[in-house]
Amino acid sequence: MTHDDASVWRVEPFRALGVLRFGAGRADCRSALGQPDVSFRRSAWADLPADGYPALGLTLEFGPDDLLEAVEATAPARPVFEDVALLTGPGRDVLRRLAERSCVAGWNLGVHSVEEIGITLFSPSGPDPEEAFAGVSVFRRKIPAPPEFFVGTTPSPTGPLEVSDDRIGPARLGTSRNEVRSVFGEGMATHHFGWATDIFFCGIVAQYDAAGTVRRLVATSPTDVLLNGHAALGIPFREFVDRVTSEIPGCSVSDSSMTVGTGGPQVSISRSGADELPISAVSVGSLGG
C-alpha cells in the first residue's frame, strides 16, 4: 500500500496491513500515511492518543510503548482478507465466505469476532446482517474479550479522592486485584492491549500485570479527584496547567497530557492540541518498562 492508495489495504494474518506493520512506531505509520487529521484518546484509560485519518477511513491505536496495536477501518477504506472484501456487500455474505475459509465468527454485543484471523466486524443490525458491515478492527494481540461483570462486596467510595504519586484514594499501586476490587466495588473485567483491566462503575480503572498486581490506576467521571488540593476532572486543561505549574516545579506538558512534578500523577484530555477541553482522566503508574 502506498499513501496514494491508502484506502485499499489487505488483512494478512497476523501482523501486516499493507504498509502498516503491527509493532511499528507511530513515526513509521505517519511516514506511510502522513500526519493524522486528528489525534484523540479512544478511552479515558488509553495511555496514548490514537491517530485518525477519516479521509482514508483508518484509525490507528498505539500501546504504552507507542507501537501500533490495533487498526480500525470504515468506509472509504476497503480492507480485504484473501479475496473477501470485508466492508463490501451484505454482512451475511462476508460471514459465509469467511466460514468457507474455516474462519468462523462469534457474535456478541454487536460485534462478530473472527479469532482465526484476529479481526472483529461491527454490525448495528444483528447477528445475520443484510447490510454491509460498518467497520472492521484488526489487533496486534488477541481480540479483546467481552467484558465480564463482577459484584463488589463493599460500596464504592463517596466524595473526592486524593491523588498522589502512587495512589488514587484508598487504592495504591502494587496491591492485588482482589484488594482493589474490595475498595471500589462493582465493575467489568476486560483486557486492553494485553493488560488485564477492571473498569469500576464509580469511575476508577485499574490495570494489572501478569501476576495480578496493579500497575496503573485511572480516575474518570463520575468520580471526583483532588490533585495537590485542586479539583482536576472537568477543569479546562490549560486552566489546570497554568494553575499547577505555578505551584509545582518539574511539571512536563504535552499537547494532550501533563505530568505533575517529576514522575507524579498525569492528567489528560481526550483530544491532542485542544487545550480548552476539560481534563478527562487522572492516572498514576505506568504499563511500560
C-alpha atoms as a PDB file:
ATOM      1  CA  MET A   1       0.000   0.000   0.000  1.00  0.00           C
ATOM      2  CA  THR A   2       1.211   3.467  -0.824  1.00  0.00           C
ATOM      3  CA  HIS A   3      -0.093   6.711   0.607  1.00  0.00           C
ATOM      4  CA  ASP A   4      -1.869   7.389  -2.700  1.00  0.00           C
ATOM      5  CA  ASP A   5      -3.660   4.045  -2.451  1.00  0.00           C
ATOM      6  CA  ALA A   6      -4.222   4.029   1.297  1.00  0.00           C
ATOM      7  CA  SER A   7      -7.961   3.336   1.062  1.00  0.00           C
ATOM      8  CA  VAL A   8      -7.238  -0.180  -0.216  1.00  0.00           C
ATOM      9  CA  TRP A   9      -5.393  -2.462   2.168  1.00  0.00           C
ATOM     10  CA  ARG A  10      -5.144  -6.134   2.881  1.00  0.00           C
ATOM     11  CA  VAL A  11      -5.563  -8.035   6.116  1.00  0.00           C
ATOM     12  CA  GLU A  12      -2.709 -10.515   6.281  1.00  0.00           C
ATOM     13  CA  PRO A  13      -2.856 -12.589   9.466  1.00  0.00           C
ATOM     14  CA  PHE A  14      -1.496 -11.765  11.809  1.00  0.00           C
ATOM     15  CA  ARG A  15       0.945  -8.920  11.532  1.00  0.00           C
ATOM     16  CA  ALA A  16       0.569  -6.949   8.319  1.00  0.00           C
ATOM     17  CA  LEU A  17      -1.909  -4.395   6.996  1.00  0.00           C
ATOM     18  CA  GLY A  18      -0.464  -3.340   3.686  1.00  0.00           C
ATOM     19  CA  VAL A  19       2.404  -0.995   4.501  1.00  0.00           C
ATOM     20  CA  LEU A  20       1.340  -0.821   8.165  1.00  0.00           C
ATOM     21  CA  ARG A  21       3.038  -3.370  10.408  1.00  0.00           C
ATOM     22  CA  PHE A  22       1.941  -4.183  13.906  1.00  0.00           C
ATOM     23  CA  GLY A  23       4.688  -3.227  16.305  1.00  0.00           C
ATOM     24  CA  ALA A  24       5.768  -0.342  14.064  1.00  0.00           C
ATOM     25  CA  GLY A  25       6.286   3.002  15.756  1.00  0.00           C
ATOM     26  CA  ARG A  26       3.962   5.954  15.390  1.00  0.00           C
ATOM     27  CA  ALA A  27       6.578   7.845  13.366  1.00  0.00           C
ATOM     28  CA  ASP A  28       6.793   4.976  10.859  1.00  0.00           C
ATOM     29  CA  CYS A  29       2.999   4.877  10.500  1.00  0.00           C
ATOM     30  CA  ARG A  30       2.879   8.621   9.948  1.00  0.00           C
ATOM     31  CA  SER A  31       5.657   8.341   7.389  1.00  0.00           C
ATOM     32  CA  ALA A  32       3.457   5.892   5.477  1.00  0.00           C
ATOM     33  CA  LEU A  33       0.125   7.710   5.815  1.00  0.00           C
ATOM     34  CA  GLY A  34       1.062  11.317   6.508  1.00  0.00           C
ATOM     35  CA  GLN A  35       0.125  13.389   9.531  1.00  0.00           C
ATOM     36  CA  PRO A  36      -3.251  12.409  11.045  1.00  0.00           C
ATOM     37  CA  ASP A  37      -6.228  14.711  10.784  1.00  0.00           C
ATOM     38  CA  VAL A  38      -6.865  14.245  14.499  1.00  0.00           C
ATOM     39  CA  SER A  39      -5.271  12.534  17.492  1.00  0.00           C
ATOM     40  CA  PHE A  40      -7.540  11.564  20.351  1.00  0.00           C
ATOM     41  CA  ARG A  41      -7.890   9.124  23.245  1.00  0.00           C
ATOM     42  CA  ARG A  42     -10.359   6.360  22.416  1.00  0.00           C
ATOM     43  CA  SER A  43     -10.903   5.754  26.121  1.00  0.00           C
ATOM     44  CA  ALA A  44     -10.007   7.716  29.211  1.00  0.00           C
ATOM     45  CA  TRP A  45      -7.599   4.967  30.252  1.00  0.00           C
ATOM     46  CA  ALA A  46      -5.737   4.828  26.942  1.00  0.00           C
ATOM     47  CA  ASP A  47      -2.114   5.726  27.593  1.00  0.00           C
ATOM     48  CA  LEU A  48      -1.618   7.480  24.266  1.00  0.00           C
ATOM     49  CA  PRO A  49      -3.829   9.104  21.638  1.00  0.00           C
ATOM     50  CA  ALA A  50      -4.978   7.238  18.546  1.00  0.00           C
ATOM     51  CA  ASP A  51      -4.290   8.736  15.112  1.00  0.00           C
ATOM     52  CA  GLY A  52      -7.365   9.294  12.953  1.00  0.00           C
ATOM     53  CA  TYR A  53      -7.428   9.503   9.159  1.00  0.00           C
ATOM     54  CA  PRO A  54     -11.144   9.979   8.360  1.00  0.00           C
ATOM     55  CA  ALA A  55     -10.497  10.646   4.668  1.00  0.00           C
ATOM     56  CA  LEU A  56      -8.842   7.219   4.479  1.00  0.00           C
ATOM     57  CA  GLY A  57     -11.288   5.512   6.837  1.00  0.00           C
ATOM     58  CA  LEU A  58      -8.479   4.469   9.213  1.00  0.00           C
ATOM     59  CA  THR A  59      -7.907   4.876  12.943  1.00  0.00           C
ATOM     60  CA  LEU A  60      -4.604   3.662  14.405  1.00  0.00           C
ATOM     61  CA  GLU A  61      -4.241   2.813  18.095  1.00  0.00           C
ATOM     62  CA  PHE A  62      -0.920   2.619  19.911  1.00  0.00           C
ATOM     63  CA  GLY A  63       0.134   0.848  23.082  1.00  0.00           C
ATOM     64  CA  PRO A  64       2.068   2.244  26.047  1.00  0.00           C
ATOM     65  CA  ASP A  65       5.314   1.851  24.076  1.00  0.00           C
ATOM     66  CA  ASP A  66       3.871   3.951  21.198  1.00  0.00           C
ATOM     67  CA  LEU A  67       3.849   0.898  18.919  1.00  0.00           C
ATOM     68  CA  LEU A  68       0.908   0.067  16.650  1.00  0.00           C
ATOM     69  CA  GLU A  69      -1.577  -2.200  18.450  1.00  0.00           C
ATOM     70  CA  ALA A  70      -4.840  -2.001  16.505  1.00  0.00           C
ATOM     71  CA  VAL A  71      -6.308  -0.603  13.291  1.00  0.00           C
ATOM     72  CA  GLU A  72      -9.972   0.190  12.720  1.00  0.00           C
ATOM     73  CA  ALA A  73     -11.274   0.635   9.182  1.00  0.00           C
ATOM     74  CA  THR A  74     -14.523   2.168   7.992  1.00  0.00           C
ATOM     75  CA  ALA A  75     -15.597   3.475   4.586  1.00  0.00           C
ATOM     76  CA  PRO A  76     -13.941   4.564   2.340  1.00  0.00           C
ATOM     77  CA  ALA A  77     -11.266   2.044   3.392  1.00  0.00           C
ATOM     78  CA  ARG A  78     -11.603  -1.321   1.650  1.00  0.00           C
ATOM     79  CA  PRO A  79      -9.959  -3.986   3.821  1.00  0.00           C
ATOM     80  CA  VAL A  80      -9.603  -7.395   2.172  1.00  0.00           C
ATOM     81  CA  PHE A  81      -8.823 -10.779   3.681  1.00  0.00           C
ATOM     82  CA  GLU A  82      -7.607 -13.109   0.960  1.00  0.00           C
ATOM     83  CA  ASP A  83     -10.246 -12.274  -1.698  1.00  0.00           C
ATOM     84  CA  VAL A  84     -13.027 -11.297   0.718  1.00  0.00           C
ATOM     85  CA  ALA A  85     -13.804  -7.559   0.800  1.00  0.00           C
ATOM     86  CA  LEU A  86     -14.814  -7.189   4.436  1.00  0.00           C
ATOM     87  CA  LEU A  87     -16.846  -3.967   4.160  1.00  0.00           C
ATOM     88  CA  THR A  88     -18.477  -4.653   0.794  1.00  0.00           C
ATOM     89  CA  GLY A  89     -21.808  -6.380   0.199  1.00  0.00           C
ATOM     90  CA  PRO A  90     -24.191  -7.951   2.714  1.00  0.00           C
ATOM     91  CA  GLY A  91     -22.547  -8.824   6.007  1.00  0.00           C
ATOM     92  CA  ARG A  92     -24.080 -12.310   5.926  1.00  0.00           C
ATOM     93  CA  ASP A  93     -22.282 -12.984   2.633  1.00  0.00           C
ATOM     94  CA  VAL A  94     -18.983 -11.865   4.142  1.00  0.00           C
ATOM     95  CA  LEU A  95     -19.517 -14.231   7.081  1.00  0.00           C
ATOM     96  CA  ARG A  96     -20.362 -17.095   4.728  1.00  0.00           C
ATOM     97  CA  ARG A  97     -17.242 -16.554   2.631  1.00  0.00           C
ATOM     98  CA  LEU A  98     -15.089 -16.377   5.747  1.00  0.00           C
ATOM     99  CA  ALA A  99     -16.653 -19.592   7.052  1.00  0.00           C
ATOM    100  CA  GLU A 100     -15.731 -21.298   3.781  1.00  0.00           C
ATOM    101  CA  ARG A 101     -12.125 -20.480   4.730  1.00  0.00           C
ATOM    102  CA  SER A 102     -12.568 -22.013   8.215  1.00  0.00           C
ATOM    103  CA  CYS A 103     -12.847 -18.540   9.769  1.00  0.00           C
ATOM    104  CA  VAL A 104     -15.958 -18.734  11.939  1.00  0.00           C
ATOM    105  CA  ALA A 105     -17.306 -15.588  13.606  1.00  0.00           C
ATOM    106  CA  GLY A 106     -18.713 -15.446  17.112  1.00  0.00           C
ATOM    107  CA  TRP A 107     -21.393 -12.834  17.846  1.00  0.00           C
ATOM    108  CA  ASN A 108     -21.610 -10.689  20.984  1.00  0.00           C
ATOM    109  CA  LEU A 109     -22.870  -7.169  21.687  1.00  0.00           C
ATOM    110  CA  GLY A 110     -22.943  -6.008  18.083  1.00  0.00           C
ATOM    111  CA  VAL A 111     -19.558  -7.449  17.173  1.00  0.00           C
ATOM    112  CA  HIS A 112     -18.593 -10.515  15.139  1.00  0.00           C
ATOM    113  CA  SER A 113     -15.202 -11.789  16.340  1.00  0.00           C
ATOM    114  CA  VAL A 114     -13.153 -13.952  13.968  1.00  0.00           C
ATOM    115  CA  GLU A 115     -10.444 -15.392  16.194  1.00  0.00           C
ATOM    116  CA  GLU A 116      -8.649 -17.279  13.408  1.00  0.00           C
ATOM    117  CA  ILE A 117      -7.582 -14.068  11.693  1.00  0.00           C
ATOM    118  CA  GLY A 118      -7.696 -11.693  14.658  1.00  0.00           C
ATOM    119  CA  ILE A 119     -10.426  -9.330  13.453  1.00  0.00           C
ATOM    120  CA  THR A 120     -13.766  -8.017  14.641  1.00  0.00           C
ATOM    121  CA  LEU A 121     -16.594  -6.857  12.362  1.00  0.00           C
ATOM    122  CA  PHE A 122     -19.129  -4.343  13.655  1.00  0.00           C
ATOM    123  CA  SER A 123     -22.784  -4.674  12.695  1.00  0.00           C
ATOM    124  CA  PRO A 124     -25.527  -2.427  14.091  1.00  0.00           C
ATOM    125  CA  SER A 125     -28.263  -4.678  12.638  1.00  0.00           C
ATOM    126  CA  GLY A 126     -27.887  -8.004  14.403  1.00  0.00           C
ATOM    127  CA  PRO A 127     -26.049 -11.301  14.022  1.00  0.00           C
ATOM    128  CA  ASP A 128     -27.177 -12.007  10.431  1.00  0.00           C
ATOM    129  CA  PRO A 129     -26.832  -8.598   8.753  1.00  0.00           C
ATOM    130  CA  GLU A 130     -28.151  -7.843   5.299  1.00  0.00           C
ATOM    131  CA  GLU A 131     -26.318  -4.505   5.296  1.00  0.00           C
ATOM    132  CA  ALA A 132     -22.580  -4.175   4.844  1.00  0.00           C
ATOM    133  CA  PHE A 133     -20.506  -4.184   7.990  1.00  0.00           C
ATOM    134  CA  ALA A 134     -19.935  -0.708   9.427  1.00  0.00           C
ATOM    135  CA  GLY A 135     -16.326  -1.331  10.368  1.00  0.00           C
ATOM    136  CA  VAL A 136     -13.569  -3.852  10.941  1.00  0.00           C
ATOM    137  CA  SER A 137     -10.830  -3.826  13.570  1.00  0.00           C
ATOM    138  CA  VAL A 138      -7.587  -5.784  13.429  1.00  0.00           C
ATOM    139  CA  PHE A 139      -5.454  -6.364  16.520  1.00  0.00           C
ATOM    140  CA  ARG A 140      -1.782  -6.970  17.191  1.00  0.00           C
ATOM    141  CA  ARG A 141      -2.642  -9.228  20.123  1.00  0.00           C
ATOM    142  CA  LYS A 142      -5.671 -11.394  20.724  1.00  0.00           C
ATOM    143  CA  ILE A 143      -9.128  -9.924  20.190  1.00  0.00           C
ATOM    144  CA  PRO A 144     -10.346  -8.167  23.358  1.00  0.00           C
ATOM    145  CA  ALA A 145     -12.686 -10.406  25.301  1.00  0.00           C
ATOM    146  CA  PRO A 146     -16.244  -9.252  26.043  1.00  0.00           C
ATOM    147  CA  PRO A 147     -16.404  -7.612  29.478  1.00  0.00           C
ATOM    148  CA  GLU A 148     -17.322  -9.788  32.431  1.00  0.00           C
ATOM    149  CA  PHE A 149     -19.344  -8.126  35.169  1.00  0.00           C
ATOM    150  CA  PHE A 150     -18.393  -8.662  38.789  1.00  0.00           C
ATOM    151  CA  VAL A 151     -20.089  -7.621  42.035  1.00  0.00           C
ATOM    152  CA  GLY A 152     -18.098  -5.961  44.756  1.00  0.00           C
ATOM    153  CA  THR A 153     -18.528  -6.715  48.435  1.00  0.00           C
ATOM    154  CA  THR A 154     -18.256  -3.111  49.643  1.00  0.00           C
ATOM    155  CA  PRO A 155     -19.872   0.139  48.472  1.00  0.00           C
ATOM    156  CA  SER A 156     -17.875   2.442  46.221  1.00  0.00           C
ATOM    157  CA  PRO A 157     -16.103   5.422  47.831  1.00  0.00           C
ATOM    158  CA  THR A 158     -18.019   8.681  48.059  1.00  0.00           C
ATOM    159  CA  GLY A 159     -16.630  12.187  47.925  1.00  0.00           C
ATOM    160  CA  PRO A 160     -13.447  13.415  46.218  1.00  0.00           C
ATOM    161  CA  LEU A 161     -10.471  11.052  46.086  1.00  0.00           C
ATOM    162  CA  GLU A 162      -6.989  12.358  46.854  1.00  0.00           C
ATOM    163  CA  VAL A 163      -4.376  11.571  44.217  1.00  0.00           C
ATOM    164  CA  SER A 164      -0.665  11.170  44.940  1.00  0.00           C
ATOM    165  CA  ASP A 165       2.291   9.676  43.092  1.00  0.00           C
ATOM    166  CA  ASP A 166       1.343   6.076  43.891  1.00  0.00           C
ATOM    167  CA  ARG A 167      -2.331   6.052  44.795  1.00  0.00           C
ATOM    168  CA  ILE A 168      -5.820   7.263  43.973  1.00  0.00           C
ATOM    169  CA  GLY A 169      -7.951   7.437  47.076  1.00  0.00           C
ATOM    170  CA  PRO A 170      -7.625   4.236  49.103  1.00  0.00           C
ATOM    171  CA  ALA A 171      -6.076   2.193  46.244  1.00  0.00           C
ATOM    172  CA  ARG A 172      -2.300   2.032  45.845  1.00  0.00           C
ATOM    173  CA  LEU A 173      -0.011   0.745  43.122  1.00  0.00           C
ATOM    174  CA  GLY A 174       1.419  -2.687  43.889  1.00  0.00           C
ATOM    175  CA  THR A 175      -1.671  -4.083  45.575  1.00  0.00           C
ATOM    176  CA  SER A 176      -3.580  -7.133  44.351  1.00  0.00           C
ATOM    177  CA  ARG A 177      -6.623  -7.261  42.111  1.00  0.00           C
ATOM    178  CA  ASN A 178      -8.779  -8.550  44.962  1.00  0.00           C
ATOM    179  CA  GLU A 179      -7.682  -5.680  47.201  1.00  0.00           C
ATOM    180  CA  VAL A 180      -8.575  -3.103  44.555  1.00  0.00           C
ATOM    181  CA  ARG A 181     -11.961  -4.721  43.947  1.00  0.00           C
ATOM    182  CA  SER A 182     -12.690  -4.721  47.671  1.00  0.00           C
ATOM    183  CA  VAL A 183     -12.252  -0.936  47.655  1.00  0.00           C
ATOM    184  CA  PHE A 184     -14.139   0.120  44.522  1.00  0.00           C
ATOM    185  CA  GLY A 185     -16.992  -2.370  44.353  1.00  0.00           C
ATOM    186  CA  GLU A 186     -18.798  -3.417  41.182  1.00  0.00           C
ATOM    187  CA  GLY A 187     -17.337  -3.250  37.706  1.00  0.00           C
ATOM    188  CA  MET A 188     -16.341  -5.011  34.500  1.00  0.00           C
ATOM    189  CA  ALA A 189     -13.224  -7.058  33.752  1.00  0.00           C
ATOM    190  CA  THR A 190     -11.653  -6.947  30.303  1.00  0.00           C
ATOM    191  CA  HIS A 191      -8.259  -6.709  28.548  1.00  0.00           C
ATOM    192  CA  HIS A 192      -6.708  -3.614  26.996  1.00  0.00           C
ATOM    193  CA  PHE A 193      -3.830  -4.361  24.612  1.00  0.00           C
ATOM    194  CA  GLY A 194      -2.835  -7.403  26.647  1.00  0.00           C
ATOM    195  CA  TRP A 195      -3.225  -5.814  30.094  1.00  0.00           C
ATOM    196  CA  ALA A 196      -5.870  -7.166  32.467  1.00  0.00           C
ATOM    197  CA  THR A 197      -8.201  -4.258  33.215  1.00  0.00           C
ATOM    198  CA  ASP A 198     -11.003  -3.607  35.697  1.00  0.00           C
ATOM    199  CA  ILE A 199     -13.429  -0.782  34.899  1.00  0.00           C
ATOM    200  CA  PHE A 200     -15.318   0.200  38.031  1.00  0.00           C
ATOM    201  CA  PHE A 201     -18.719   1.843  37.811  1.00  0.00           C
ATOM    202  CA  CYS A 202     -17.614   4.529  40.279  1.00  0.00           C
ATOM    203  CA  GLY A 203     -15.197   5.898  37.649  1.00  0.00           C
ATOM    204  CA  ILE A 204     -11.947   4.113  38.517  1.00  0.00           C
ATOM    205  CA  VAL A 205      -9.944   1.927  36.114  1.00  0.00           C
ATOM    206  CA  ALA A 206      -7.221  -0.438  37.343  1.00  0.00           C
ATOM    207  CA  GLN A 207      -4.744  -2.245  35.088  1.00  0.00           C
ATOM    208  CA  TYR A 208      -2.679  -5.229  36.227  1.00  0.00           C
ATOM    209  CA  ASP A 209       0.434  -7.154  35.280  1.00  0.00           C
ATOM    210  CA  ALA A 210       0.531 -10.907  34.706  1.00  0.00           C
ATOM    211  CA  ALA A 211       0.801 -11.503  38.466  1.00  0.00           C
ATOM    212  CA  GLY A 212      -2.433  -9.585  39.126  1.00  0.00           C
ATOM    213  CA  THR A 213      -0.662  -6.612  40.703  1.00  0.00           C
ATOM    214  CA  VAL A 214      -2.000  -3.166  39.913  1.00  0.00           C
ATOM    215  CA  ARG A 215       0.420  -1.213  37.721  1.00  0.00           C
ATOM    216  CA  ARG A 216      -1.792   1.719  36.775  1.00  0.00           C
ATOM    217  CA  LEU A 217      -4.823   3.464  38.292  1.00  0.00           C
ATOM    218  CA  VAL A 218      -7.014   5.894  36.368  1.00  0.00           C
ATOM    219  CA  ALA A 219      -9.791   8.167  37.654  1.00  0.00           C
ATOM    220  CA  THR A 220     -12.550   9.272  35.271  1.00  0.00           C
ATOM    221  CA  SER A 221     -16.097  10.572  35.543  1.00  0.00           C
ATOM    222  CA  PRO A 222     -18.267  10.216  37.606  1.00  0.00           C
ATOM    223  CA  THR A 223     -15.705  10.249  40.406  1.00  0.00           C
ATOM    224  CA  ASP A 224     -14.142  13.461  41.717  1.00  0.00           C
ATOM    225  CA  VAL A 225     -10.434  13.780  42.447  1.00  0.00           C
ATOM    226  CA  LEU A 226      -8.221  16.287  44.186  1.00  0.00           C
ATOM    227  CA  LEU A 227      -4.650  16.671  42.935  1.00  0.00           C
ATOM    228  CA  ASN A 228      -2.439  18.848  45.121  1.00  0.00           C
ATOM    229  CA  GLY A 229      -5.637  20.196  46.616  1.00  0.00           C
ATOM    230  CA  HIS A 230      -7.123  21.158  43.235  1.00  0.00           C
ATOM    231  CA  ALA A 231     -10.098  19.570  41.514  1.00  0.00           C
ATOM    232  CA  ALA A 232      -8.938  18.182  38.177  1.00  0.00           C
ATOM    233  CA  LEU A 233     -11.602  16.250  36.259  1.00  0.00           C
ATOM    234  CA  GLY A 234     -13.791  18.539  34.181  1.00  0.00           C
ATOM    235  CA  ILE A 235     -11.438  21.524  34.532  1.00  0.00           C
ATOM    236  CA  PRO A 236     -10.187  23.017  31.231  1.00  0.00           C
ATOM    237  CA  PHE A 237      -6.749  21.560  30.554  1.00  0.00           C
ATOM    238  CA  ARG A 238      -4.923  24.857  30.016  1.00  0.00           C
ATOM    239  CA  GLU A 239      -6.503  26.398  33.112  1.00  0.00           C
ATOM    240  CA  PHE A 240      -5.321  23.489  35.246  1.00  0.00           C
ATOM    241  CA  VAL A 241      -1.840  23.518  33.700  1.00  0.00           C
ATOM    242  CA  ASP A 242      -1.387  27.232  34.364  1.00  0.00           C
ATOM    243  CA  ARG A 243      -2.571  26.842  37.946  1.00  0.00           C
ATOM    244  CA  VAL A 244      -0.452  23.832  38.882  1.00  0.00           C
ATOM    245  CA  THR A 245       2.793  24.688  37.066  1.00  0.00           C
ATOM    246  CA  SER A 246       2.958  27.907  39.057  1.00  0.00           C
ATOM    247  CA  GLU A 247       2.905  25.874  42.281  1.00  0.00           C
ATOM    248  CA  ILE A 248       4.849  22.695  41.498  1.00  0.00           C
ATOM    249  CA  PRO A 249       8.284  22.625  39.857  1.00  0.00           C
ATOM    250  CA  GLY A 250       9.274  19.990  37.342  1.00  0.00           C
ATOM    251  CA  CYS A 251       5.923  19.575  35.565  1.00  0.00           C
ATOM    252  CA  SER A 252       6.066  18.393  31.957  1.00  0.00           C
ATOM    253  CA  VAL A 253       3.329  19.301  29.490  1.00  0.00           C
ATOM    254  CA  SER A 254       2.488  17.913  26.051  1.00  0.00           C
ATOM    255  CA  ASP A 255      -0.377  18.779  23.737  1.00  0.00           C
ATOM    256  CA  SER A 256      -2.668  16.234  25.416  1.00  0.00           C
ATOM    257  CA  SER A 257      -1.310  15.464  28.885  1.00  0.00           C
ATOM    258  CA  MET A 258       0.567  16.854  31.845  1.00  0.00           C
ATOM    259  CA  THR A 259       2.771  15.091  34.384  1.00  0.00           C
ATOM    260  CA  VAL A 260       2.517  16.822  37.749  1.00  0.00           C
ATOM    261  CA  GLY A 261       6.007  17.140  39.180  1.00  0.00           C
ATOM    262  CA  THR A 262       8.759  14.655  38.347  1.00  0.00           C
ATOM    263  CA  GLY A 263       7.179  11.264  37.758  1.00  0.00           C
ATOM    264  CA  GLY A 264       3.975  12.254  39.502  1.00  0.00           C
ATOM    265  CA  PRO A 265       0.317  11.854  38.516  1.00  0.00           C
ATOM    266  CA  GLN A 266      -0.684  12.527  34.932  1.00  0.00           C
ATOM    267  CA  VAL A 267      -3.743  14.439  33.749  1.00  0.00           C
ATOM    268  CA  SER A 268      -5.009  14.053  30.200  1.00  0.00           C
ATOM    269  CA  ILE A 269      -7.605  15.356  27.785  1.00  0.00           C
ATOM    270  CA  SER A 270      -9.471  13.437  25.125  1.00  0.00           C
ATOM    271  CA  ARG A 271      -8.004  15.228  22.094  1.00  0.00           C
ATOM    272  CA  SER A 272      -4.472  16.387  21.390  1.00  0.00           C
ATOM    273  CA  GLY A 273      -3.912  20.094  20.983  1.00  0.00           C
ATOM    274  CA  ALA A 274      -7.333  21.068  22.332  1.00  0.00           C
ATOM    275  CA  ASP A 275      -6.300  22.997  25.425  1.00  0.00           C
ATOM    276  CA  GLU A 276      -9.828  24.263  26.026  1.00  0.00           C
ATOM    277  CA  LEU A 277     -11.219  20.760  26.539  1.00  0.00           C
ATOM    278  CA  PRO A 278     -11.754  19.543  30.110  1.00  0.00           C
ATOM    279  CA  ILE A 279      -9.438  17.046  31.750  1.00  0.00           C
ATOM    280  CA  SER A 280     -10.925  13.604  31.155  1.00  0.00           C
ATOM    281  CA  ALA A 281      -8.618  11.426  33.261  1.00  0.00           C
ATOM    282  CA  VAL A 282      -6.052  11.432  36.032  1.00  0.00           C
ATOM    283  CA  SER A 283      -3.684   8.475  36.295  1.00  0.00           C
ATOM    284  CA  VAL A 284      -0.816   7.154  38.371  1.00  0.00           C
ATOM    285  CA  GLY A 285       1.596   4.400  37.439  1.00  0.00           C
ATOM    286  CA  SER A 286       2.758   3.080  34.074  1.00  0.00           C
ATOM    287  CA  LEU A 287       2.339  -0.026  31.951  1.00  0.00           C
ATOM    288  CA  GLY A 288       5.547   0.491  30.026  1.00  0.00           C
ATOM    289  CA  GLY A 289       9.021  -0.651  31.025  1.00  0.00           C
END
